[in-house]
Amino acid sequence: MGSNDGGRHVEAFLEMMAAERGAAANTLDAYRRDLADFAGFLAGRGRTADQADLVSLRDYIGRMTAQGLAARTAARRLSTLRQFHQFLFAEGRRADDPTQALDAPRLGRPLPKYLSEAEVGALIAAARARPGVAGRRLAALIELLYATGLRVSELVGLPLSAVARQQPVLIVRGKGAKERMVPLGEPARQAVADWLAVRQPKTGKWLFPGGGSSGHLSRSGFARMLDGLAVAAGLMPSRVSPHVLRHSFASHLLAGGADLRSVQQMLGHADIATTQIYTHILDDRLKALVADHHPLAKKKDG
């Protein structure tokens, strides 16, 4: 097959993706770019995109690695190549599919972003400094979020009954309607009590009422509050979000000596593998433990 056949097969693949799978225009553009890059690589070997063998595919993946291409970009390109060769094989345009023998590039999970204890302290102090009803609401929101590591949807959707008796634990209904108990420290309980003293209306279903269709404060509304609070605390708003505070809760617990299983339960992760994104904290803690307490790690006086 010549270069014209290669281009024709690419166009046929793109037409199939649009017609049968409803691929959007930007998705088709990405496929086209991926296949053009692959075709350019193969051109130096006297082949077209539809004539790749396993060796050239592995060499192409090796080139992406050598170029330092982001793992997700490399994975997307490999996905494009897999779909293209599956199409060629299914349509009888090739007798085999060489991508079946390929291993996918491993995607490293990014480490969670979190704030230092001092930075969280600055946020809490800035919230407490806000005057009036809005200040008390914001202080209760921040104290609760940092004390419990709730998801933002769980936080803004807390029912009033969850804190009605000032209990030392918070009962949270999370994903899949599963309930879990999270300890609630005194600062958070006091911030909630201060908010309840001024909350209007006094009755109603939600701890943090709002004017939207849900009846409670929206996630976007809370995110806007956090942006303003970050500025007041001297932090870049881009570094502060409800999820960053959830990560901060987990990271600070582990750094303080909590075990991974307990943090999993408090975060509401169904699988401990999800919680293991925080193992970098455990690694740092173990290194510090060895450095501080192992006799061979201590420097000898000269």
C-alpha atoms as a PDB file:
ATOM      1  CA  MET A   1       0.000   0.000   0.000  1.00  0.00           C
ATOM      2  CA  GLY A   2       1.268   3.474  -0.818  1.00  0.00           C
ATOM      3  CA  SER A   3       1.040   6.785   0.996  1.00  0.00           C
ATOM      4  CA  ASN A   4      -2.306   7.527  -0.641  1.00  0.00           C
ATOM      5  CA  ASP A   5      -3.708   4.313   0.827  1.00  0.00           C
ATOM      6  CA  GLY A   6      -2.396   5.292   4.252  1.00  0.00           C
ATOM      7  CA  GLY A   7      -4.090   8.685   4.110  1.00  0.00           C
ATOM      8  CA  ARG A   8      -7.291   7.148   2.778  1.00  0.00           C
ATOM      9  CA  HIS A   9      -7.415   4.678   5.643  1.00  0.00           C
ATOM     10  CA  VAL A  10      -6.940   7.471   8.176  1.00  0.00           C
ATOM     11  CA  GLU A  11      -9.829   9.420   6.651  1.00  0.00           C
ATOM     12  CA  ALA A  12     -12.014   6.298   6.641  1.00  0.00           C
ATOM     13  CA  PHE A  13     -11.187   5.739  10.320  1.00  0.00           C
ATOM     14  CA  LEU A  14     -12.105   9.329  11.204  1.00  0.00           C
ATOM     15  CA  GLU A  15     -15.374   9.074   9.260  1.00  0.00           C
ATOM     16  CA  MET A  16     -16.258   5.882  11.157  1.00  0.00           C
ATOM     17  CA  MET A  17     -15.477   7.508  14.527  1.00  0.00           C
ATOM     18  CA  ALA A  18     -17.728  10.443  13.663  1.00  0.00           C
ATOM     19  CA  ALA A  19     -20.607   8.462  12.171  1.00  0.00           C
ATOM     20  CA  GLU A  20     -20.723   5.363  14.358  1.00  0.00           C
ATOM     21  CA  ARG A  21     -19.312   6.580  17.653  1.00  0.00           C
ATOM     22  CA  GLY A  22     -20.345  10.225  17.555  1.00  0.00           C
ATOM     23  CA  ALA A  23     -16.836  11.569  18.140  1.00  0.00           C
ATOM     24  CA  ALA A  24     -16.843  15.356  18.575  1.00  0.00           C
ATOM     25  CA  ALA A  25     -14.897  17.648  16.251  1.00  0.00           C
ATOM     26  CA  ASN A  26     -12.145  18.327  18.792  1.00  0.00           C
ATOM     27  CA  THR A  27     -11.791  14.582  19.447  1.00  0.00           C
ATOM     28  CA  LEU A  28     -11.448  13.937  15.712  1.00  0.00           C
ATOM     29  CA  ASP A  29      -8.821  16.689  15.505  1.00  0.00           C
ATOM     30  CA  ALA A  30      -6.857  14.986  18.294  1.00  0.00           C
ATOM     31  CA  TYR A  31      -7.056  11.635  16.464  1.00  0.00           C
ATOM     32  CA  ARG A  32      -5.875  13.298  13.273  1.00  0.00           C
ATOM     33  CA  ARG A  33      -2.907  14.942  15.022  1.00  0.00           C
ATOM     34  CA  ASP A  34      -1.946  11.700  16.764  1.00  0.00           C
ATOM     35  CA  LEU A  35      -2.017   9.720  13.527  1.00  0.00           C
ATOM     36  CA  ALA A  36      -0.139  12.467  11.652  1.00  0.00           C
ATOM     37  CA  ASP A  37       2.615  12.349  14.271  1.00  0.00           C
ATOM     38  CA  PHE A  38       2.805   8.564  13.971  1.00  0.00           C
ATOM     39  CA  ALA A  39       2.829   8.782  10.170  1.00  0.00           C
ATOM     40  CA  GLY A  40       5.707  11.258  10.329  1.00  0.00           C
ATOM     41  CA  PHE A  41       7.651   8.849  12.518  1.00  0.00           C
ATOM     42  CA  LEU A  42       7.035   5.952  10.110  1.00  0.00           C
ATOM     43  CA  ALA A  43       7.841   7.995   7.004  1.00  0.00           C
ATOM     44  CA  GLY A  44      11.523   7.780   7.871  1.00  0.00           C
ATOM     45  CA  ARG A  45      11.186   4.012   7.740  1.00  0.00           C
ATOM     46  CA  GLY A  46       9.462   3.973   4.387  1.00  0.00           C
ATOM     47  CA  ARG A  47       6.088   3.007   5.865  1.00  0.00           C
ATOM     48  CA  THR A  48       2.658   4.576   6.187  1.00  0.00           C
ATOM     49  CA  ALA A  49       0.473   4.703   9.299  1.00  0.00           C
ATOM     50  CA  ASP A  50      -1.445   1.590   8.250  1.00  0.00           C
ATOM     51  CA  GLN A  51       1.744  -0.455   7.729  1.00  0.00           C
ATOM     52  CA  ALA A  52       3.136  -0.418  11.251  1.00  0.00           C
ATOM     53  CA  ASP A  53       4.516  -3.556  12.821  1.00  0.00           C
ATOM     54  CA  LEU A  54       5.074  -4.325  16.508  1.00  0.00           C
ATOM     55  CA  VAL A  55       8.719  -3.241  16.412  1.00  0.00           C
ATOM     56  CA  SER A  56       7.929   0.183  14.943  1.00  0.00           C
ATOM     57  CA  LEU A  57       5.090   0.676  17.422  1.00  0.00           C
ATOM     58  CA  ARG A  58       7.407  -0.083  20.345  1.00  0.00           C
ATOM     59  CA  ASP A  59      10.066   2.208  18.875  1.00  0.00           C
ATOM     60  CA  TYR A  60       7.464   4.972  18.601  1.00  0.00           C
ATOM     61  CA  ILE A  61       6.512   4.549  22.258  1.00  0.00           C
ATOM     62  CA  GLY A  62      10.211   4.621  23.128  1.00  0.00           C
ATOM     63  CA  ARG A  63      10.601   7.880  21.241  1.00  0.00           C
ATOM     64  CA  MET A  64       7.694   9.440  23.151  1.00  0.00           C
ATOM     65  CA  THR A  65       9.369   8.426  26.415  1.00  0.00           C
ATOM     66  CA  ALA A  66      12.737   9.828  25.288  1.00  0.00           C
ATOM     67  CA  GLN A  67      11.052  13.121  24.378  1.00  0.00           C
ATOM     68  CA  GLY A  68       9.670  13.392  27.896  1.00  0.00           C
ATOM     69  CA  LEU A  69       6.086  13.388  26.655  1.00  0.00           C
ATOM     70  CA  ALA A  70       3.527  13.538  29.456  1.00  0.00           C
ATOM     71  CA  ALA A  71       2.271  10.078  30.392  1.00  0.00           C
ATOM     72  CA  ARG A  72      -1.334  11.035  29.714  1.00  0.00           C
ATOM     73  CA  THR A  73      -0.490  12.359  26.249  1.00  0.00           C
ATOM     74  CA  ALA A  74       1.430   9.179  25.460  1.00  0.00           C
ATOM     75  CA  ALA A  75      -1.497   7.078  26.700  1.00  0.00           C
ATOM     76  CA  ARG A  76      -3.920   9.046  24.531  1.00  0.00           C
ATOM     77  CA  ARG A  77      -1.742   8.545  21.446  1.00  0.00           C
ATOM     78  CA  LEU A  78      -1.506   4.831  22.133  1.00  0.00           C
ATOM     79  CA  SER A  79      -5.296   4.689  22.511  1.00  0.00           C
ATOM     80  CA  THR A  80      -5.643   6.359  19.097  1.00  0.00           C
ATOM     81  CA  LEU A  81      -3.279   3.829  17.542  1.00  0.00           C
ATOM     82  CA  ARG A  82      -5.152   0.931  19.131  1.00  0.00           C
ATOM     83  CA  GLN A  83      -8.499   2.155  17.802  1.00  0.00           C
ATOM     84  CA  PHE A  84      -7.046   2.829  14.345  1.00  0.00           C
ATOM     85  CA  HIS A  85      -5.550  -0.658  14.041  1.00  0.00           C
ATOM     86  CA  GLN A  86      -8.675  -2.298  15.449  1.00  0.00           C
ATOM     87  CA  PHE A  87     -10.609  -0.511  12.699  1.00  0.00           C
ATOM     88  CA  LEU A  88      -8.166  -1.669   9.986  1.00  0.00           C
ATOM     89  CA  PHE A  89      -8.391  -5.268  11.201  1.00  0.00           C
ATOM     90  CA  ALA A  90     -12.188  -5.255  11.570  1.00  0.00           C
ATOM     91  CA  GLU A  91     -12.603  -3.797   8.091  1.00  0.00           C
ATOM     92  CA  GLY A  92     -10.275  -6.365   6.543  1.00  0.00           C
ATOM     93  CA  ARG A  93      -7.763  -3.699   5.560  1.00  0.00           C
ATOM     94  CA  ARG A  94      -5.114  -5.504   7.596  1.00  0.00           C
ATOM     95  CA  ALA A  95      -4.718  -9.187   8.391  1.00  0.00           C
ATOM     96  CA  ASP A  96      -3.551  -8.496  11.952  1.00  0.00           C
ATOM     97  CA  ASP A  97      -3.647  -5.945  14.768  1.00  0.00           C
ATOM     98  CA  PRO A  98      -0.108  -5.329  16.054  1.00  0.00           C
ATOM     99  CA  THR A  99      -1.303  -3.151  18.944  1.00  0.00           C
ATOM    100  CA  GLN A 100      -2.732  -6.205  20.752  1.00  0.00           C
ATOM    101  CA  ALA A 101       0.775  -7.110  21.913  1.00  0.00           C
ATOM    102  CA  LEU A 102       1.541  -3.628  23.265  1.00  0.00           C
ATOM    103  CA  ASP A 103       1.655  -2.738  26.946  1.00  0.00           C
ATOM    104  CA  ALA A 104       0.085   0.566  27.915  1.00  0.00           C
ATOM    105  CA  PRO A 105       2.428   3.213  29.352  1.00  0.00           C
ATOM    106  CA  ARG A 106       2.026   3.462  33.101  1.00  0.00           C
ATOM    107  CA  LEU A 107       0.329   6.600  34.343  1.00  0.00           C
ATOM    108  CA  GLY A 108       1.759   7.960  37.544  1.00  0.00           C
ATOM    109  CA  ARG A 109      -0.859   9.325  39.895  1.00  0.00           C
ATOM    110  CA  PRO A 110      -0.154  12.955  40.731  1.00  0.00           C
ATOM    111  CA  LEU A 111       0.527  13.672  44.367  1.00  0.00           C
ATOM    112  CA  PRO A 112      -2.347  15.489  46.076  1.00  0.00           C
ATOM    113  CA  LYS A 113      -1.839  19.201  46.643  1.00  0.00           C
ATOM    114  CA  TYR A 114      -2.230  20.285  50.234  1.00  0.00           C
ATOM    115  CA  LEU A 115      -1.513  23.258  52.492  1.00  0.00           C
ATOM    116  CA  SER A 116       0.841  23.409  55.439  1.00  0.00           C
ATOM    117  CA  GLU A 117      -0.608  23.510  58.944  1.00  0.00           C
ATOM    118  CA  ALA A 118       0.414  27.174  59.193  1.00  0.00           C
ATOM    119  CA  GLU A 119      -1.419  27.997  55.959  1.00  0.00           C
ATOM    120  CA  VAL A 120      -4.599  26.268  57.136  1.00  0.00           C
ATOM    121  CA  GLY A 121      -4.235  28.154  60.421  1.00  0.00           C
ATOM    122  CA  ALA A 122      -4.069  31.428  58.465  1.00  0.00           C
ATOM    123  CA  LEU A 123      -7.275  30.523  56.609  1.00  0.00           C
ATOM    124  CA  ILE A 124      -9.088  29.713  59.842  1.00  0.00           C
ATOM    125  CA  ALA A 125      -7.859  32.926  61.460  1.00  0.00           C
ATOM    126  CA  ALA A 126      -9.007  34.972  58.460  1.00  0.00           C
ATOM    127  CA  ALA A 127     -12.436  33.336  58.627  1.00  0.00           C
ATOM    128  CA  ARG A 128     -12.763  34.026  62.340  1.00  0.00           C
ATOM    129  CA  ALA A 129     -11.834  37.664  61.729  1.00  0.00           C
ATOM    130  CA  ARG A 130     -14.794  38.138  59.364  1.00  0.00           C
ATOM    131  CA  PRO A 131     -17.570  40.049  61.121  1.00  0.00           C
ATOM    132  CA  GLY A 132     -21.255  39.252  61.365  1.00  0.00           C
ATOM    133  CA  VAL A 133     -23.372  36.326  60.271  1.00  0.00           C
ATOM    134  CA  ALA A 134     -21.363  35.707  57.086  1.00  0.00           C
ATOM    135  CA  GLY A 135     -18.180  35.461  59.140  1.00  0.00           C
ATOM    136  CA  ARG A 136     -19.648  32.887  61.499  1.00  0.00           C
ATOM    137  CA  ARG A 137     -20.931  30.814  58.596  1.00  0.00           C
ATOM    138  CA  LEU A 138     -17.548  30.897  56.872  1.00  0.00           C
ATOM    139  CA  ALA A 139     -15.716  29.979  60.085  1.00  0.00           C
ATOM    140  CA  ALA A 140     -18.055  27.013  60.608  1.00  0.00           C
ATOM    141  CA  LEU A 141     -17.534  25.851  57.024  1.00  0.00           C
ATOM    142  CA  ILE A 142     -13.729  26.028  57.209  1.00  0.00           C
ATOM    143  CA  GLU A 143     -13.476  24.476  60.657  1.00  0.00           C
ATOM    144  CA  LEU A 144     -15.785  21.627  59.654  1.00  0.00           C
ATOM    145  CA  LEU A 145     -13.986  20.963  56.388  1.00  0.00           C
ATOM    146  CA  TYR A 146     -10.525  20.861  57.930  1.00  0.00           C
ATOM    147  CA  ALA A 147     -11.697  18.904  60.984  1.00  0.00           C
ATOM    148  CA  THR A 148     -13.453  16.178  58.981  1.00  0.00           C
ATOM    149  CA  GLY A 149     -12.040  16.060  55.440  1.00  0.00           C
ATOM    150  CA  LEU A 150     -15.555  16.018  53.982  1.00  0.00           C
ATOM    151  CA  ARG A 151     -16.128  16.172  50.249  1.00  0.00           C
ATOM    152  CA  VAL A 152     -17.472  19.611  49.352  1.00  0.00           C
ATOM    153  CA  SER A 153     -20.838  18.118  48.320  1.00  0.00           C
ATOM    154  CA  GLU A 154     -21.062  16.434  51.739  1.00  0.00           C
ATOM    155  CA  LEU A 155     -20.166  19.660  53.531  1.00  0.00           C
ATOM    156  CA  VAL A 156     -22.649  22.011  51.854  1.00  0.00           C
ATOM    157  CA  GLY A 157     -25.336  19.317  51.968  1.00  0.00           C
ATOM    158  CA  LEU A 158     -25.054  18.588  55.689  1.00  0.00           C
ATOM    159  CA  PRO A 159     -28.506  18.341  57.275  1.00  0.00           C
ATOM    160  CA  LEU A 160     -29.155  20.389  60.392  1.00  0.00           C
ATOM    161  CA  SER A 161     -29.803  17.129  62.256  1.00  0.00           C
ATOM    162  CA  ALA A 162     -26.160  16.109  61.796  1.00  0.00           C
ATOM    163  CA  VAL A 163     -25.052  18.662  64.402  1.00  0.00           C
ATOM    164  CA  ALA A 164     -28.239  19.138  66.386  1.00  0.00           C
ATOM    165  CA  ARG A 165     -26.934  17.535  69.593  1.00  0.00           C
ATOM    166  CA  GLN A 166     -23.363  18.834  69.538  1.00  0.00           C
ATOM    167  CA  GLN A 167     -22.063  15.282  69.454  1.00  0.00           C
ATOM    168  CA  PRO A 168     -18.312  14.552  69.357  1.00  0.00           C
ATOM    169  CA  VAL A 169     -18.787  12.724  66.041  1.00  0.00           C
ATOM    170  CA  LEU A 170     -20.362  13.754  62.765  1.00  0.00           C
ATOM    171  CA  ILE A 171     -22.484  11.199  60.908  1.00  0.00           C
ATOM    172  CA  VAL A 172     -21.972  11.753  57.180  1.00  0.00           C
ATOM    173  CA  ARG A 173     -23.937  10.237  54.338  1.00  0.00           C
ATOM    174  CA  GLY A 174     -21.428   9.927  51.497  1.00  0.00           C
ATOM    175  CA  LYS A 175     -21.166   8.257  48.103  1.00  0.00           C
ATOM    176  CA  GLY A 176     -23.583   5.430  47.527  1.00  0.00           C
ATOM    177  CA  ALA A 177     -25.659   6.656  50.504  1.00  0.00           C
ATOM    178  CA  LYS A 178     -23.108   5.016  52.815  1.00  0.00           C
ATOM    179  CA  GLU A 179     -22.898   6.468  56.298  1.00  0.00           C
ATOM    180  CA  ARG A 180     -19.654   6.989  58.178  1.00  0.00           C
ATOM    181  CA  MET A 181     -18.700   8.596  61.488  1.00  0.00           C
ATOM    182  CA  VAL A 182     -16.005  11.258  61.662  1.00  0.00           C
ATOM    183  CA  PRO A 183     -14.696  12.631  64.993  1.00  0.00           C
ATOM    184  CA  LEU A 184     -15.423  16.318  65.497  1.00  0.00           C
ATOM    185  CA  GLY A 185     -12.974  18.322  67.588  1.00  0.00           C
ATOM    186  CA  GLU A 186     -13.862  21.104  70.007  1.00  0.00           C
ATOM    187  CA  PRO A 187     -12.864  24.041  67.723  1.00  0.00           C
ATOM    188  CA  ALA A 188     -15.182  22.767  64.986  1.00  0.00           C
ATOM    189  CA  ARG A 189     -18.027  22.097  67.424  1.00  0.00           C
ATOM    190  CA  GLN A 190     -17.664  25.607  68.845  1.00  0.00           C
ATOM    191  CA  ALA A 191     -17.621  27.180  65.365  1.00  0.00           C
ATOM    192  CA  VAL A 192     -20.817  25.304  64.490  1.00  0.00           C
ATOM    193  CA  ALA A 193     -22.447  26.406  67.758  1.00  0.00           C
ATOM    194  CA  ASP A 194     -21.521  30.031  67.028  1.00  0.00           C
ATOM    195  CA  TRP A 195     -23.067  29.693  63.557  1.00  0.00           C
ATOM    196  CA  LEU A 196     -26.257  28.088  64.872  1.00  0.00           C
ATOM    197  CA  ALA A 197     -26.711  30.989  67.273  1.00  0.00           C
ATOM    198  CA  VAL A 198     -27.148  33.390  64.347  1.00  0.00           C
ATOM    199  CA  ARG A 199     -28.340  31.087  61.560  1.00  0.00           C
ATOM    200  CA  GLN A 200     -31.544  32.130  59.835  1.00  0.00           C
ATOM    201  CA  PRO A 201     -34.026  30.614  59.571  1.00  0.00           C
ATOM    202  CA  LYS A 202     -33.688  28.805  62.870  1.00  0.00           C
ATOM    203  CA  THR A 203     -35.498  25.797  61.445  1.00  0.00           C
ATOM    204  CA  GLY A 204     -35.153  24.075  58.083  1.00  0.00           C
ATOM    205  CA  LYS A 205     -33.450  20.978  56.753  1.00  0.00           C
ATOM    206  CA  TRP A 206     -29.952  22.228  55.950  1.00  0.00           C
ATOM    207  CA  LEU A 207     -27.102  23.337  58.193  1.00  0.00           C
ATOM    208  CA  PHE A 208     -26.045  25.887  55.562  1.00  0.00           C
ATOM    209  CA  PRO A 209     -29.227  27.125  53.842  1.00  0.00           C
ATOM    210  CA  GLY A 210     -28.994  28.639  50.370  1.00  0.00           C
ATOM    211  CA  GLY A 211     -31.217  30.277  47.804  1.00  0.00           C
ATOM    212  CA  GLY A 212     -30.732  27.764  44.995  1.00  0.00           C
ATOM    213  CA  SER A 213     -32.952  24.889  43.914  1.00  0.00           C
ATOM    214  CA  SER A 214     -31.215  22.488  46.320  1.00  0.00           C
ATOM    215  CA  GLY A 215     -32.108  24.636  49.299  1.00  0.00           C
ATOM    216  CA  HIS A 216     -28.546  24.616  50.643  1.00  0.00           C
ATOM    217  CA  LEU A 217     -25.333  26.475  49.899  1.00  0.00           C
ATOM    218  CA  SER A 218     -23.947  25.516  46.488  1.00  0.00           C
ATOM    219  CA  ARG A 219     -20.480  24.122  45.874  1.00  0.00           C
ATOM    220  CA  SER A 220     -19.652  27.021  43.560  1.00  0.00           C
ATOM    221  CA  GLY A 221     -20.850  29.494  46.176  1.00  0.00           C
ATOM    222  CA  PHE A 222     -18.518  27.996  48.762  1.00  0.00           C
ATOM    223  CA  ALA A 223     -15.643  27.942  46.265  1.00  0.00           C
ATOM    224  CA  ARG A 224     -16.095  31.700  45.729  1.00  0.00           C
ATOM    225  CA  MET A 225     -15.999  32.244  49.478  1.00  0.00           C
ATOM    226  CA  LEU A 226     -12.728  30.314  49.639  1.00  0.00           C
ATOM    227  CA  ASP A 227     -11.177  32.497  46.922  1.00  0.00           C
ATOM    228  CA  GLY A 228     -11.835  35.633  48.949  1.00  0.00           C
ATOM    229  CA  LEU A 229     -10.680  33.971  52.155  1.00  0.00           C
ATOM    230  CA  ALA A 230      -7.408  32.884  50.540  1.00  0.00           C
ATOM    231  CA  VAL A 231      -6.630  36.478  49.587  1.00  0.00           C
ATOM    232  CA  ALA A 232      -7.385  37.622  53.144  1.00  0.00           C
ATOM    233  CA  ALA A 233      -5.056  34.911  54.486  1.00  0.00           C
ATOM    234  CA  GLY A 234      -2.232  35.932  52.140  1.00  0.00           C
ATOM    235  CA  LEU A 235      -2.491  32.816  49.960  1.00  0.00           C
ATOM    236  CA  MET A 236      -2.885  32.436  46.207  1.00  0.00           C
ATOM    237  CA  PRO A 237      -6.546  31.551  45.511  1.00  0.00           C
ATOM    238  CA  SER A 238      -5.375  28.999  42.921  1.00  0.00           C
ATOM    239  CA  ARG A 239      -3.791  27.001  45.760  1.00  0.00           C
ATOM    240  CA  VAL A 240      -6.935  26.848  47.872  1.00  0.00           C
ATOM    241  CA  SER A 241     -10.009  24.741  47.123  1.00  0.00           C
ATOM    242  CA  PRO A 242     -12.359  22.468  49.076  1.00  0.00           C
ATOM    243  CA  HIS A 243     -10.486  19.443  47.730  1.00  0.00           C
ATOM    244  CA  VAL A 244      -7.117  20.894  48.763  1.00  0.00           C
ATOM    245  CA  LEU A 245      -8.453  21.259  52.299  1.00  0.00           C
ATOM    246  CA  ARG A 246      -9.662  17.643  52.205  1.00  0.00           C
ATOM    247  CA  HIS A 247      -6.160  16.605  51.145  1.00  0.00           C
ATOM    248  CA  SER A 248      -4.687  18.782  53.899  1.00  0.00           C
ATOM    249  CA  PHE A 249      -6.873  17.045  56.488  1.00  0.00           C
ATOM    250  CA  ALA A 250      -5.630  13.613  55.380  1.00  0.00           C
ATOM    251  CA  SER A 251      -1.987  14.630  54.987  1.00  0.00           C
ATOM    252  CA  HIS A 252      -1.787  16.305  58.377  1.00  0.00           C
ATOM    253  CA  LEU A 253      -3.437  13.331  60.081  1.00  0.00           C
ATOM    254  CA  LEU A 254      -0.918  10.914  58.594  1.00  0.00           C
ATOM    255  CA  ALA A 255       1.995  13.208  59.365  1.00  0.00           C
ATOM    256  CA  GLY A 256       0.767  13.299  62.967  1.00  0.00           C
ATOM    257  CA  GLY A 257       0.772   9.516  63.305  1.00  0.00           C
ATOM    258  CA  ALA A 258      -2.670   8.350  62.141  1.00  0.00           C
ATOM    259  CA  ASP A 259      -2.782   5.008  60.338  1.00  0.00           C
ATOM    260  CA  LEU A 260      -3.870   4.717  56.711  1.00  0.00           C
ATOM    261  CA  ARG A 261      -6.920   2.556  57.469  1.00  0.00           C
ATOM    262  CA  SER A 262      -8.372   5.117  59.880  1.00  0.00           C
ATOM    263  CA  VAL A 263      -7.860   7.919  57.355  1.00  0.00           C
ATOM    264  CA  GLN A 264      -9.547   5.765  54.705  1.00  0.00           C
ATOM    265  CA  GLN A 265     -12.613   5.382  56.914  1.00  0.00           C
ATOM    266  CA  MET A 266     -12.807   9.088  57.727  1.00  0.00           C
ATOM    267  CA  LEU A 267     -12.447  10.095  54.078  1.00  0.00           C
ATOM    268  CA  GLY A 268     -15.113   7.603  53.032  1.00  0.00           C
ATOM    269  CA  HIS A 269     -12.916   5.787  50.502  1.00  0.00           C
ATOM    270  CA  ALA A 270     -14.417   2.421  49.577  1.00  0.00           C
ATOM    271  CA  ASP A 271     -10.991   1.042  48.665  1.00  0.00           C
ATOM    272  CA  ILE A 272      -7.789   1.691  50.609  1.00  0.00           C
ATOM    273  CA  ALA A 273      -5.969   1.865  47.258  1.00  0.00           C
ATOM    274  CA  THR A 274      -7.587   5.301  46.816  1.00  0.00           C
ATOM    275  CA  THR A 275      -6.170   6.455  50.148  1.00  0.00           C
ATOM    276  CA  GLN A 276      -2.702   5.267  49.199  1.00  0.00           C
ATOM    277  CA  ILE A 277      -2.093   8.463  47.212  1.00  0.00           C
ATOM    278  CA  TYR A 278      -1.034   9.796  50.618  1.00  0.00           C
ATOM    279  CA  THR A 279       1.723   7.252  51.175  1.00  0.00           C
ATOM    280  CA  HIS A 280       4.328   9.924  50.386  1.00  0.00           C
ATOM    281  CA  ILE A 281       3.421  11.369  53.787  1.00  0.00           C
ATOM    282  CA  LEU A 282       4.041   7.981  55.418  1.00  0.00           C
ATOM    283  CA  ASP A 283       7.357   7.694  53.584  1.00  0.00           C
ATOM    284  CA  ASP A 284       8.479  11.074  54.934  1.00  0.00           C
ATOM    285  CA  ARG A 285       7.329  10.141  58.437  1.00  0.00           C
ATOM    286  CA  LEU A 286       9.202   6.830  58.370  1.00  0.00           C
ATOM    287  CA  LYS A 287      12.376   8.554  57.159  1.00  0.00           C
ATOM    288  CA  ALA A 288      12.109  11.063  59.997  1.00  0.00           C
ATOM    289  CA  LEU A 289      11.450   8.242  62.468  1.00  0.00           C
ATOM    290  CA  VAL A 290      14.614   6.424  61.412  1.00  0.00           C
ATOM    291  CA  ALA A 291      16.674   9.619  61.374  1.00  0.00           C
ATOM    292  CA  ASP A 292      15.517  10.586  64.862  1.00  0.00           C
ATOM    293  CA  HIS A 293      15.582   7.233  66.615  1.00  0.00           C
ATOM    294  CA  HIS A 294      17.811   4.692  64.874  1.00  0.00           C
ATOM    295  CA  PRO A 295      21.252   4.599  66.553  1.00  0.00           C
ATOM    296  CA  LEU A 296      23.124   4.218  63.248  1.00  0.00           C
ATOM    297  CA  ALA A 297      21.353   7.258  61.775  1.00  0.00           C
ATOM    298  CA  LYS A 298      22.576   9.643  64.480  1.00  0.00           C
ATOM    299  CA  LYS A 299      25.705  11.654  63.969  1.00  0.00           C
ATOM    300  CA  LYS A 300      28.545  10.861  66.319  1.00  0.00           C
ATOM    301  CA  ASP A 301      30.185  13.670  68.173  1.00  0.00           C
ATOM    302  CA  GLY A 302      33.630  14.374  66.762  1.00  0.00           C
END
